[in-house]
Amino acid sequence: AVSAAETPRTGGSFTVGVETEPNTFNPQLNGQAKADVTLRNVWESL
């Protein structure tokens, strides 16, 4: 498992289950800590 994890793969898909649905997809206005798991895929900081 460790060897497989250390070998980068290109392509494919990755599915993650989260318990909190963002109440808005504007990350500045969301305010839900657990929604960061979803929103940080798209928006970044300084």
All heavy atoms as atom14 arrays in JSON, in Angstrom:
{
  "sequence": "AVSAAETPRTGGSFTVGVETEPNTFNPQLNGQAKADVTLRNVWESL",
  "atom14_mask": [
    [1, 1, 1, 1, 1, 0, 0, 0, 0, 0, 0, 0, 0, 0],
    [1, 1, 1, 1, 1, 1, 1, 0, 0, 0, 0, 0, 0, 0],
    [1, 1, 1, 1, 1, 1, 0, 0, 0, 0, 0, 0, 0, 0],
    [1, 1, 1, 1, 1, 0, 0, 0, 0, 0, 0, 0, 0, 0],
    [1, 1, 1, 1, 1, 0, 0, 0, 0, 0, 0, 0, 0, 0],
    [1, 1, 1, 1, 1, 1, 1, 1, 1, 0, 0, 0, 0, 0],
    [1, 1, 1, 1, 1, 1, 1, 0, 0, 0, 0, 0, 0, 0],
    [1, 1, 1, 1, 1, 1, 1, 0, 0, 0, 0, 0, 0, 0],
    [1, 1, 1, 1, 1, 1, 1, 1, 1, 1, 1, 0, 0, 0],
    [1, 1, 1, 1, 1, 1, 1, 0, 0, 0, 0, 0, 0, 0],
    [1, 1, 1, 1, 0, 0, 0, 0, 0, 0, 0, 0, 0, 0],
    [1, 1, 1, 1, 0, 0, 0, 0, 0, 0, 0, 0, 0, 0],
    [1, 1, 1, 1, 1, 1, 0, 0, 0, 0, 0, 0, 0, 0],
    [1, 1, 1, 1, 1, 1, 1, 1, 1, 1, 1, 0, 0, 0],
    [1, 1, 1, 1, 1, 1, 1, 0, 0, 0, 0, 0, 0, 0],
    [1, 1, 1, 1, 1, 1, 1, 0, 0, 0, 0, 0, 0, 0],
    [1, 1, 1, 1, 0, 0, 0, 0, 0, 0, 0, 0, 0, 0],
    [1, 1, 1, 1, 1, 1, 1, 0, 0, 0, 0, 0, 0, 0],
    [1, 1, 1, 1, 1, 1, 1, 1, 1, 0, 0, 0, 0, 0],
    [1, 1, 1, 1, 1, 1, 1, 0, 0, 0, 0, 0, 0, 0],
    [1, 1, 1, 1, 1, 1, 1, 1, 1, 0, 0, 0, 0, 0],
    [1, 1, 1, 1, 1, 1, 1, 0, 0, 0, 0, 0, 0, 0],
    [1, 1, 1, 1, 1, 1, 1, 1, 0, 0, 0, 0, 0, 0],
    [1, 1, 1, 1, 1, 1, 1, 0, 0, 0, 0, 0, 0, 0],
    [1, 1, 1, 1, 1, 1, 1, 1, 1, 1, 1, 0, 0, 0],
    [1, 1, 1, 1, 1, 1, 1, 1, 0, 0, 0, 0, 0, 0],
    [1, 1, 1, 1, 1, 1, 1, 0, 0, 0, 0, 0, 0, 0],
    [1, 1, 1, 1, 1, 1, 1, 1, 1, 0, 0, 0, 0, 0],
    [1, 1, 1, 1, 1, 1, 1, 1, 0, 0, 0, 0, 0, 0],
    [1, 1, 1, 1, 1, 1, 1, 1, 0, 0, 0, 0, 0, 0],
    [1, 1, 1, 1, 0, 0, 0, 0, 0, 0, 0, 0, 0, 0],
    [1, 1, 1, 1, 1, 1, 1, 1, 1, 0, 0, 0, 0, 0],
    [1, 1, 1, 1, 1, 0, 0, 0, 0, 0, 0, 0, 0, 0],
    [1, 1, 1, 1, 1, 1, 1, 1, 1, 0, 0, 0, 0, 0],
    [1, 1, 1, 1, 1, 0, 0, 0, 0, 0, 0, 0, 0, 0],
    [1, 1, 1, 1, 1, 1, 1, 1, 0, 0, 0, 0, 0, 0],
    [1, 1, 1, 1, 1, 1, 1, 0, 0, 0, 0, 0, 0, 0],
    [1, 1, 1, 1, 1, 1, 1, 0, 0, 0, 0, 0, 0, 0],
    [1, 1, 1, 1, 1, 1, 1, 1, 0, 0, 0, 0, 0, 0],
    [1, 1, 1, 1, 1, 1, 1, 1, 1, 1, 1, 0, 0, 0],
    [1, 1, 1, 1, 1, 1, 1, 1, 0, 0, 0, 0, 0, 0],
    [1, 1, 1, 1, 1, 1, 1, 0, 0, 0, 0, 0, 0, 0],
    [1, 1, 1, 1, 1, 1, 1, 1, 1, 1, 1, 1, 1, 1],
    [1, 1, 1, 1, 1, 1, 1, 1, 1, 0, 0, 0, 0, 0],
    [1, 1, 1, 1, 1, 1, 0, 0, 0, 0, 0, 0, 0, 0],
    [1, 1, 1, 1, 1, 1, 1, 1, 0, 0, 0, 0, 0, 0]
  ],
  "atom14_positions": [
    [[0.84, -1.21, 0.0], [0.0, 0.0, 0.0], [0.86, 1.24, 0.0], [0.57, 2.22, -0.7], [-0.93, -0.02, 1.21], [0.0, 0.0, 0.0], [0.0, 0.0, 0.0], [0.0, 0.0, 0.0], [0.0, 0.0, 0.0], [0.0, 0.0, 0.0], [0.0, 0.0, 0.0], [0.0, 0.0, 0.0], [0.0, 0.0, 0.0], [0.0, 0.0, 0.0]],
    [[1.94, 1.24, 0.8], [2.84, 2.39, 0.84], [3.5, 2.61, -0.5], [3.59, 3.73, -1.01], [3.9, 2.21, 1.95], [4.98, 3.28, 1.84], [3.25, 2.25, 3.32], [0.0, 0.0, 0.0], [0.0, 0.0, 0.0], [0.0, 0.0, 0.0], [0.0, 0.0, 0.0], [0.0, 0.0, 0.0], [0.0, 0.0, 0.0], [0.0, 0.0, 0.0]],
    [[3.97, 1.5, -1.13], [4.62, 1.6, -2.43], [3.66, 2.16, -3.46], [4.02, 3.01, -4.28], [5.13, 0.24, -2.88], [6.11, -0.26, -1.98], [0.0, 0.0, 0.0], [0.0, 0.0, 0.0], [0.0, 0.0, 0.0], [0.0, 0.0, 0.0], [0.0, 0.0, 0.0], [0.0, 0.0, 0.0], [0.0, 0.0, 0.0], [0.0, 0.0, 0.0]],
    [[2.41, 1.69, -3.43], [1.41, 2.19, -4.37], [1.13, 3.66, -4.14], [0.98, 4.43, -5.08], [0.12, 1.37, -4.24], [0.0, 0.0, 0.0], [0.0, 0.0, 0.0], [0.0, 0.0, 0.0], [0.0, 0.0, 0.0], [0.0, 0.0, 0.0], [0.0, 0.0, 0.0], [0.0, 0.0, 0.0], [0.0, 0.0, 0.0], [0.0, 0.0, 0.0]],
    [[1.1, 4.08, -2.87], [0.81, 5.49, -2.55], [1.94, 6.39, -3.02], [1.72, 7.57, -3.31], [0.6, 5.63, -1.04], [0.0, 0.0, 0.0], [0.0, 0.0, 0.0], [0.0, 0.0, 0.0], [0.0, 0.0, 0.0], [0.0, 0.0, 0.0], [0.0, 0.0, 0.0], [0.0, 0.0, 0.0], [0.0, 0.0, 0.0], [0.0, 0.0, 0.0]],
    [[3.15, 5.85, -3.07], [4.3, 6.67, -3.46], [4.46, 6.76, -4.97], [5.31, 7.49, -5.46], [5.57, 6.09, -2.83], [5.62, 6.24, -1.32], [6.84, 5.58, -0.71], [7.52, 4.82, -1.44], [7.1, 5.81, 0.48], [0.0, 0.0, 0.0], [0.0, 0.0, 0.0], [0.0, 0.0, 0.0], [0.0, 0.0, 0.0], [0.0, 0.0, 0.0]],
    [[3.67, 6.01, -5.72], [3.75, 6.03, -7.17], [2.66, 6.94, -7.74], [1.48, 6.6, -7.67], [3.57, 4.61, -7.75], [4.56, 3.75, -7.17], [3.74, 4.63, -9.26], [0.0, 0.0, 0.0], [0.0, 0.0, 0.0], [0.0, 0.0, 0.0], [0.0, 0.0, 0.0], [0.0, 0.0, 0.0], [0.0, 0.0, 0.0], [0.0, 0.0, 0.0]],
    [[3.03, 8.1, -8.28], [2.01, 9.03, -8.79], [1.23, 8.43, -9.95], [1.78, 7.7, -10.77], [2.84, 10.23, -9.26], [4.15, 10.1, -8.56], [4.38, 8.63, -8.41], [0.0, 0.0, 0.0], [0.0, 0.0, 0.0], [0.0, 0.0, 0.0], [0.0, 0.0, 0.0], [0.0, 0.0, 0.0], [0.0, 0.0, 0.0], [0.0, 0.0, 0.0]],
    [[-0.05, 8.73, -9.99], [-0.9, 8.3, -11.08], [-1.54, 9.51, -11.74], [-1.96, 10.44, -11.06], [-2.01, 7.39, -10.58], [-1.61, 5.95, -10.36], [-2.82, 5.13, -9.92], [-3.95, 5.31, -10.83], [-5.18, 4.88, -10.55], [-5.43, 4.3, -9.39], [-6.16, 5.06, -11.42], [0.0, 0.0, 0.0], [0.0, 0.0, 0.0], [0.0, 0.0, 0.0]],
    [[-1.61, 9.5, -13.05], [-2.26, 10.57, -13.79], [-3.61, 10.08, -14.29], [-3.71, 8.97, -14.81], [-1.39, 11.02, -14.98], [-0.14, 11.5, -14.49], [-2.08, 12.13, -15.76], [0.0, 0.0, 0.0], [0.0, 0.0, 0.0], [0.0, 0.0, 0.0], [0.0, 0.0, 0.0], [0.0, 0.0, 0.0], [0.0, 0.0, 0.0], [0.0, 0.0, 0.0]],
    [[-4.61, 10.91, -14.12], [-5.93, 10.54, -14.62], [-6.75, 9.81, -13.58], [-6.37, 9.68, -12.43], [0.0, 0.0, 0.0], [0.0, 0.0, 0.0], [0.0, 0.0, 0.0], [0.0, 0.0, 0.0], [0.0, 0.0, 0.0], [0.0, 0.0, 0.0], [0.0, 0.0, 0.0], [0.0, 0.0, 0.0], [0.0, 0.0, 0.0], [0.0, 0.0, 0.0]],
    [[-7.91, 9.33, -14.01], [-8.8, 8.63, -13.11], [-9.69, 9.58, -12.33], [-9.75, 10.78, -12.61], [0.0, 0.0, 0.0], [0.0, 0.0, 0.0], [0.0, 0.0, 0.0], [0.0, 0.0, 0.0], [0.0, 0.0, 0.0], [0.0, 0.0, 0.0], [0.0, 0.0, 0.0], [0.0, 0.0, 0.0], [0.0, 0.0, 0.0], [0.0, 0.0, 0.0]],
    [[-10.38, 9.04, -11.34], [-11.28, 9.85, -10.52], [-11.1, 9.47, -9.06], [-10.6, 8.4, -8.73], [-12.74, 9.64, -10.94], [-13.12, 8.28, -10.76], [0.0, 0.0, 0.0], [0.0, 0.0, 0.0], [0.0, 0.0, 0.0], [0.0, 0.0, 0.0], [0.0, 0.0, 0.0], [0.0, 0.0, 0.0], [0.0, 0.0, 0.0], [0.0, 0.0, 0.0]],
    [[-11.52, 10.38, -8.19], [-11.37, 10.19, -6.75], [-12.65, 10.69, -6.1], [-13.04, 11.85, -6.31], [-10.16, 10.97, -6.26], [-9.85, 10.79, -4.79], [-9.53, 9.55, -4.29], [-9.86, 11.87, -3.93], [-9.23, 9.36, -2.94], [-9.57, 11.71, -2.58], [-9.24, 10.45, -2.09], [0.0, 0.0, 0.0], [0.0, 0.0, 0.0], [0.0, 0.0, 0.0]],
    [[-13.32, 9.84, -5.34], [-14.59, 10.19, -4.71], [-14.43, 10.3, -3.21], [-13.86, 9.4, -2.58], [-15.66, 9.14, -5.04], [-15.8, 9.03, -6.46], [-17.0, 9.52, -4.43], [0.0, 0.0, 0.0], [0.0, 0.0, 0.0], [0.0, 0.0, 0.0], [0.0, 0.0, 0.0], [0.0, 0.0, 0.0], [0.0, 0.0, 0.0], [0.0, 0.0, 0.0]],
    [[-14.91, 11.38, -2.65], [-14.82, 11.62, -1.2], [-16.22, 11.93, -0.67], [-16.95, 12.75, -1.26], [-13.88, 12.8, -0.89], [-13.83, 13.04, 0.62], [-12.48, 12.53, -1.42], [0.0, 0.0, 0.0], [0.0, 0.0, 0.0], [0.0, 0.0, 0.0], [0.0, 0.0, 0.0], [0.0, 0.0, 0.0], [0.0, 0.0, 0.0], [0.0, 0.0, 0.0]],
    [[-16.59, 11.31, 0.42], [-17.87, 11.6, 1.05], [-17.68, 12.63, 2.16], [-16.79, 12.49, 2.99], [0.0, 0.0, 0.0], [0.0, 0.0, 0.0], [0.0, 0.0, 0.0], [0.0, 0.0, 0.0], [0.0, 0.0, 0.0], [0.0, 0.0, 0.0], [0.0, 0.0, 0.0], [0.0, 0.0, 0.0], [0.0, 0.0, 0.0], [0.0, 0.0, 0.0]],
    [[-18.48, 13.69, 2.16], [-18.41, 14.72, 3.2], [-19.79, 14.9, 3.81], [-20.8, 14.71, 3.15], [-17.89, 16.07, 2.65], [-16.44, 15.96, 2.22], [-18.73, 16.54, 1.48], [0.0, 0.0, 0.0], [0.0, 0.0, 0.0], [0.0, 0.0, 0.0], [0.0, 0.0, 0.0], [0.0, 0.0, 0.0], [0.0, 0.0, 0.0], [0.0, 0.0, 0.0]],
    [[-19.82, 15.28, 5.09], [-21.1, 15.37, 5.79], [-21.74, 16.75, 5.7], [-22.9, 16.92, 6.06], [-20.89, 15.0, 7.26], [-19.95, 15.93, 8.01], [-19.77, 15.49, 9.44], [-20.77, 15.26, 10.12], [-18.63, 15.42, 9.88], [0.0, 0.0, 0.0], [0.0, 0.0, 0.0], [0.0, 0.0, 0.0], [0.0, 0.0, 0.0], [0.0, 0.0, 0.0]],
    [[-20.97, 17.74, 5.21], [-21.48, 19.11, 5.18], [-21.56, 19.62, 3.75], [-20.56, 19.69, 3.05], [-20.57, 20.05, 5.99], [-20.49, 19.57, 7.34], [-21.13, 21.47, 6.01], [0.0, 0.0, 0.0], [0.0, 0.0, 0.0], [0.0, 0.0, 0.0], [0.0, 0.0, 0.0], [0.0, 0.0, 0.0], [0.0, 0.0, 0.0], [0.0, 0.0, 0.0]],
    [[-22.77, 19.97, 3.34], [-22.95, 20.56, 2.02], [-22.78, 22.08, 2.13], [-23.38, 22.71, 3.01], [-24.34, 20.24, 1.48], [-24.59, 20.77, 0.09], [-25.91, 20.27, -0.48], [-26.74, 19.78, 0.31], [-26.11, 20.37, -1.69], [0.0, 0.0, 0.0], [0.0, 0.0, 0.0], [0.0, 0.0, 0.0], [0.0, 0.0, 0.0], [0.0, 0.0, 0.0]],
    [[-21.95, 22.69, 1.28], [-21.78, 24.15, 1.37], [-23.1, 24.89, 1.21], [-23.91, 24.56, 0.34], [-20.84, 24.45, 0.19], [-20.1, 23.18, -0.05], [-21.1, 22.09, 0.23], [0.0, 0.0, 0.0], [0.0, 0.0, 0.0], [0.0, 0.0, 0.0], [0.0, 0.0, 0.0], [0.0, 0.0, 0.0], [0.0, 0.0, 0.0], [0.0, 0.0, 0.0]],
    [[-23.34, 25.88, 2.07], [-24.58, 26.65, 1.92], [-24.43, 27.7, 0.83], [-25.42, 28.29, 0.41], [-25.01, 27.29, 3.25], [-23.94, 28.15, 3.88], [-23.14, 28.77, 3.19], [-23.89, 28.17, 5.21], [0.0, 0.0, 0.0], [0.0, 0.0, 0.0], [0.0, 0.0, 0.0], [0.0, 0.0, 0.0], [0.0, 0.0, 0.0], [0.0, 0.0, 0.0]],
    [[-23.2, 27.95, 0.38], [-22.93, 28.77, -0.79], [-21.59, 28.31, -1.35], [-20.72, 27.87, -0.59], [-22.88, 30.28, -0.47], [-22.36, 30.99, -1.61], [-21.97, 30.57, 0.7], [0.0, 0.0, 0.0], [0.0, 0.0, 0.0], [0.0, 0.0, 0.0], [0.0, 0.0, 0.0], [0.0, 0.0, 0.0], [0.0, 0.0, 0.0], [0.0, 0.0, 0.0]],
    [[-21.43, 28.41, -2.65], [-20.16, 28.06, -3.27], [-19.29, 29.29, -3.47], [-18.35, 29.27, -4.26], [-20.39, 27.32, -4.59], [-20.58, 25.84, -4.4], [-21.8, 25.34, -3.97], [-19.54, 24.95, -4.6], [-21.98, 23.98, -3.77], [-19.71, 23.6, -4.4], [-20.93, 23.1, -3.98], [0.0, 0.0, 0.0], [0.0, 0.0, 0.0], [0.0, 0.0, 0.0]],
    [[-19.6, 30.35, -2.76], [-18.67, 31.48, -2.63], [-17.9, 31.23, -1.34], [-18.47, 31.32, -0.25], [-19.43, 32.8, -2.56], [-18.5, 33.99, -2.4], [-17.47, 33.92, -1.73], [-18.86, 35.12, -3.0], [0.0, 0.0, 0.0], [0.0, 0.0, 0.0], [0.0, 0.0, 0.0], [0.0, 0.0, 0.0], [0.0, 0.0, 0.0], [0.0, 0.0, 0.0]],
    [[-16.61, 30.9, -1.41], [-15.87, 30.51, -0.22], [-15.72, 31.62, 0.8], [-15.55, 31.35, 1.99], [-14.51, 30.07, -0.77], [-14.35, 30.88, -2.02], [-15.73, 30.96, -2.6], [0.0, 0.0, 0.0], [0.0, 0.0, 0.0], [0.0, 0.0, 0.0], [0.0, 0.0, 0.0], [0.0, 0.0, 0.0], [0.0, 0.0, 0.0], [0.0, 0.0, 0.0]],
    [[-15.79, 32.86, 0.36], [-15.66, 33.99, 1.28], [-16.87, 34.14, 2.18], [-16.77, 34.63, 3.3], [-15.43, 35.29, 0.5], [-14.12, 35.33, -0.27], [-13.94, 36.64, -1.01], [-14.83, 37.5, -1.02], [-12.8, 36.81, -1.65], [0.0, 0.0, 0.0], [0.0, 0.0, 0.0], [0.0, 0.0, 0.0], [0.0, 0.0, 0.0], [0.0, 0.0, 0.0]],
    [[-18.03, 33.72, 1.69], [-19.28, 33.91, 2.43], [-19.77, 32.64, 3.11], [-20.77, 32.66, 3.81], [-20.38, 34.42, 1.48], [-20.08, 35.72, 0.72], [-21.25, 36.07, -0.19], [-19.79, 36.85, 1.68], [0.0, 0.0, 0.0], [0.0, 0.0, 0.0], [0.0, 0.0, 0.0], [0.0, 0.0, 0.0], [0.0, 0.0, 0.0], [0.0, 0.0, 0.0]],
    [[-19.07, 31.54, 2.9], [-19.59, 30.26, 3.38], [-19.59, 30.13, 4.89], [-20.63, 29.9, 5.49], [-18.8, 29.1, 2.74], [-19.43, 27.77, 3.05], [-19.2, 27.2, 4.1], [-20.27, 27.29, 2.14], [0.0, 0.0, 0.0], [0.0, 0.0, 0.0], [0.0, 0.0, 0.0], [0.0, 0.0, 0.0], [0.0, 0.0, 0.0], [0.0, 0.0, 0.0]],
    [[-18.44, 30.24, 5.52], [-18.37, 30.2, 6.98], [-18.49, 28.83, 7.62], [-18.54, 28.71, 8.84], [0.0, 0.0, 0.0], [0.0, 0.0, 0.0], [0.0, 0.0, 0.0], [0.0, 0.0, 0.0], [0.0, 0.0, 0.0], [0.0, 0.0, 0.0], [0.0, 0.0, 0.0], [0.0, 0.0, 0.0], [0.0, 0.0, 0.0], [0.0, 0.0, 0.0]],
    [[-18.56, 27.76, 6.82], [-18.66, 26.4, 7.36], [-17.28, 25.75, 7.29], [-16.75, 25.5, 6.21], [-19.63, 25.56, 6.53], [-21.06, 26.09, 6.49], [-21.84, 25.41, 5.38], [-21.68, 25.73, 4.22], [-22.68, 24.44, 5.75], [0.0, 0.0, 0.0], [0.0, 0.0, 0.0], [0.0, 0.0, 0.0], [0.0, 0.0, 0.0], [0.0, 0.0, 0.0]],
    [[-16.71, 25.45, 8.44], [-15.35, 24.9, 8.47], [-15.25, 23.6, 7.68], [-14.28, 23.39, 6.93], [-14.91, 24.67, 9.92], [0.0, 0.0, 0.0], [0.0, 0.0, 0.0], [0.0, 0.0, 0.0], [0.0, 0.0, 0.0], [0.0, 0.0, 0.0], [0.0, 0.0, 0.0], [0.0, 0.0, 0.0], [0.0, 0.0, 0.0], [0.0, 0.0, 0.0]],
    [[-16.22, 22.72, 7.82], [-16.15, 21.43, 7.14], [-16.34, 21.55, 5.63], [-15.94, 20.66, 4.87], [-17.17, 20.47, 7.72], [-16.86, 20.05, 9.15], [-17.86, 19.04, 9.68], [-17.53, 18.64, 11.11], [-18.49, 17.66, 11.65], [0.0, 0.0, 0.0], [0.0, 0.0, 0.0], [0.0, 0.0, 0.0], [0.0, 0.0, 0.0], [0.0, 0.0, 0.0]],
    [[-16.94, 22.64, 5.17], [-17.13, 22.85, 3.74], [-15.8, 23.14, 3.04], [-15.72, 23.06, 1.81], [-18.12, 23.97, 3.49], [0.0, 0.0, 0.0], [0.0, 0.0, 0.0], [0.0, 0.0, 0.0], [0.0, 0.0, 0.0], [0.0, 0.0, 0.0], [0.0, 0.0, 0.0], [0.0, 0.0, 0.0], [0.0, 0.0, 0.0], [0.0, 0.0, 0.0]],
    [[-14.78, 23.49, 3.81], [-13.46, 23.75, 3.22], [-12.93, 22.53, 2.48], [-12.16, 22.67, 1.53], [-12.45, 24.17, 4.29], [-12.44, 25.67, 4.5], [-13.11, 26.37, 3.72], [-11.77, 26.14, 5.43], [0.0, 0.0, 0.0], [0.0, 0.0, 0.0], [0.0, 0.0, 0.0], [0.0, 0.0, 0.0], [0.0, 0.0, 0.0], [0.0, 0.0, 0.0]],
    [[-13.32, 21.34, 2.92], [-12.9, 20.11, 2.23], [-13.32, 20.16, 0.76], [-12.61, 19.7, -0.13], [-13.52, 18.87, 2.91], [-13.2, 17.6, 2.12], [-13.01, 18.75, 4.34], [0.0, 0.0, 0.0], [0.0, 0.0, 0.0], [0.0, 0.0, 0.0], [0.0, 0.0, 0.0], [0.0, 0.0, 0.0], [0.0, 0.0, 0.0], [0.0, 0.0, 0.0]],
    [[-14.47, 20.76, 0.51], [-14.99, 20.9, -0.85], [-14.45, 22.13, -1.55], [-13.93, 22.06, -2.66], [-16.54, 20.96, -0.82], [-17.04, 19.8, -0.18], [-17.11, 21.07, -2.23], [0.0, 0.0, 0.0], [0.0, 0.0, 0.0], [0.0, 0.0, 0.0], [0.0, 0.0, 0.0], [0.0, 0.0, 0.0], [0.0, 0.0, 0.0], [0.0, 0.0, 0.0]],
    [[-14.52, 23.28, -0.88], [-14.24, 24.55, -1.53], [-12.76, 24.8, -1.8], [-12.41, 25.49, -2.76], [-14.82, 25.7, -0.7], [-16.33, 25.61, -0.45], [-16.8, 26.79, 0.39], [-17.11, 25.54, -1.75], [0.0, 0.0, 0.0], [0.0, 0.0, 0.0], [0.0, 0.0, 0.0], [0.0, 0.0, 0.0], [0.0, 0.0, 0.0], [0.0, 0.0, 0.0]],
    [[-11.88, 24.25, -0.96], [-10.44, 24.49, -1.15], [-9.9, 23.84, -2.41], [-8.77, 24.09, -2.8], [-9.66, 24.0, 0.07], [-9.54, 25.02, 1.17], [-8.8, 26.26, 0.73], [-8.64, 27.23, 1.8], [-8.14, 28.44, 1.65], [-7.75, 28.84, 0.46], [-8.03, 29.25, 2.66], [0.0, 0.0, 0.0], [0.0, 0.0, 0.0], [0.0, 0.0, 0.0]],
    [[-10.7, 22.99, -3.07], [-10.28, 22.45, -4.35], [-10.15, 23.53, -5.43], [-9.41, 23.38, -6.39], [-11.3, 21.4, -4.84], [-11.24, 20.13, -4.05], [-10.3, 19.36, -4.16], [-12.25, 19.9, -3.22], [0.0, 0.0, 0.0], [0.0, 0.0, 0.0], [0.0, 0.0, 0.0], [0.0, 0.0, 0.0], [0.0, 0.0, 0.0], [0.0, 0.0, 0.0]],
    [[-10.89, 24.62, -5.25], [-11.03, 25.62, -6.31], [-10.37, 26.95, -5.95], [-9.74, 27.59, -6.8], [-12.52, 25.87, -6.63], [-12.7, 26.95, -7.69], [-13.17, 24.56, -7.09], [0.0, 0.0, 0.0], [0.0, 0.0, 0.0], [0.0, 0.0, 0.0], [0.0, 0.0, 0.0], [0.0, 0.0, 0.0], [0.0, 0.0, 0.0], [0.0, 0.0, 0.0]],
    [[-10.51, 27.39, -4.68], [-10.08, 28.74, -4.32], [-8.91, 28.72, -3.35], [-8.86, 27.9, -2.42], [-11.26, 29.52, -3.72], [-12.33, 29.75, -4.73], [-12.36, 30.72, -5.69], [-13.53, 28.99, -4.91], [-13.49, 30.6, -6.46], [-14.23, 29.55, -6.0], [-14.07, 27.89, -4.25], [-15.45, 29.06, -6.45], [-15.28, 27.38, -4.7], [-15.96, 27.97, -5.78]],
    [[-7.97, 29.64, -3.55], [-6.74, 29.66, -2.77], [-6.52, 31.03, -2.12], [-7.27, 31.98, -2.36], [-5.56, 29.31, -3.67], [-5.68, 27.94, -4.33], [-4.49, 27.62, -5.19], [-4.17, 28.42, -6.1], [-3.87, 26.58, -4.97], [0.0, 0.0, 0.0], [0.0, 0.0, 0.0], [0.0, 0.0, 0.0], [0.0, 0.0, 0.0], [0.0, 0.0, 0.0]],
    [[-5.45, 31.12, -1.33], [-5.18, 32.32, -0.54], [-3.75, 32.82, -0.76], [-2.95, 32.16, -1.42], [-5.4, 32.01, 0.95], [-6.72, 31.55, 1.17], [0.0, 0.0, 0.0], [0.0, 0.0, 0.0], [0.0, 0.0, 0.0], [0.0, 0.0, 0.0], [0.0, 0.0, 0.0], [0.0, 0.0, 0.0], [0.0, 0.0, 0.0], [0.0, 0.0, 0.0]],
    [[-3.46, 33.96, -0.17], [-2.15, 34.57, -0.35], [-1.04, 33.78, 0.32], [0.06, 33.65, -0.22], [-2.17, 36.01, 0.2], [-3.1, 36.98, -0.54], [-3.08, 38.34, 0.16], [-2.69, 37.12, -2.0], [0.0, 0.0, 0.0], [0.0, 0.0, 0.0], [0.0, 0.0, 0.0], [0.0, 0.0, 0.0], [0.0, 0.0, 0.0], [0.0, 0.0, 0.0]]
  ]
}
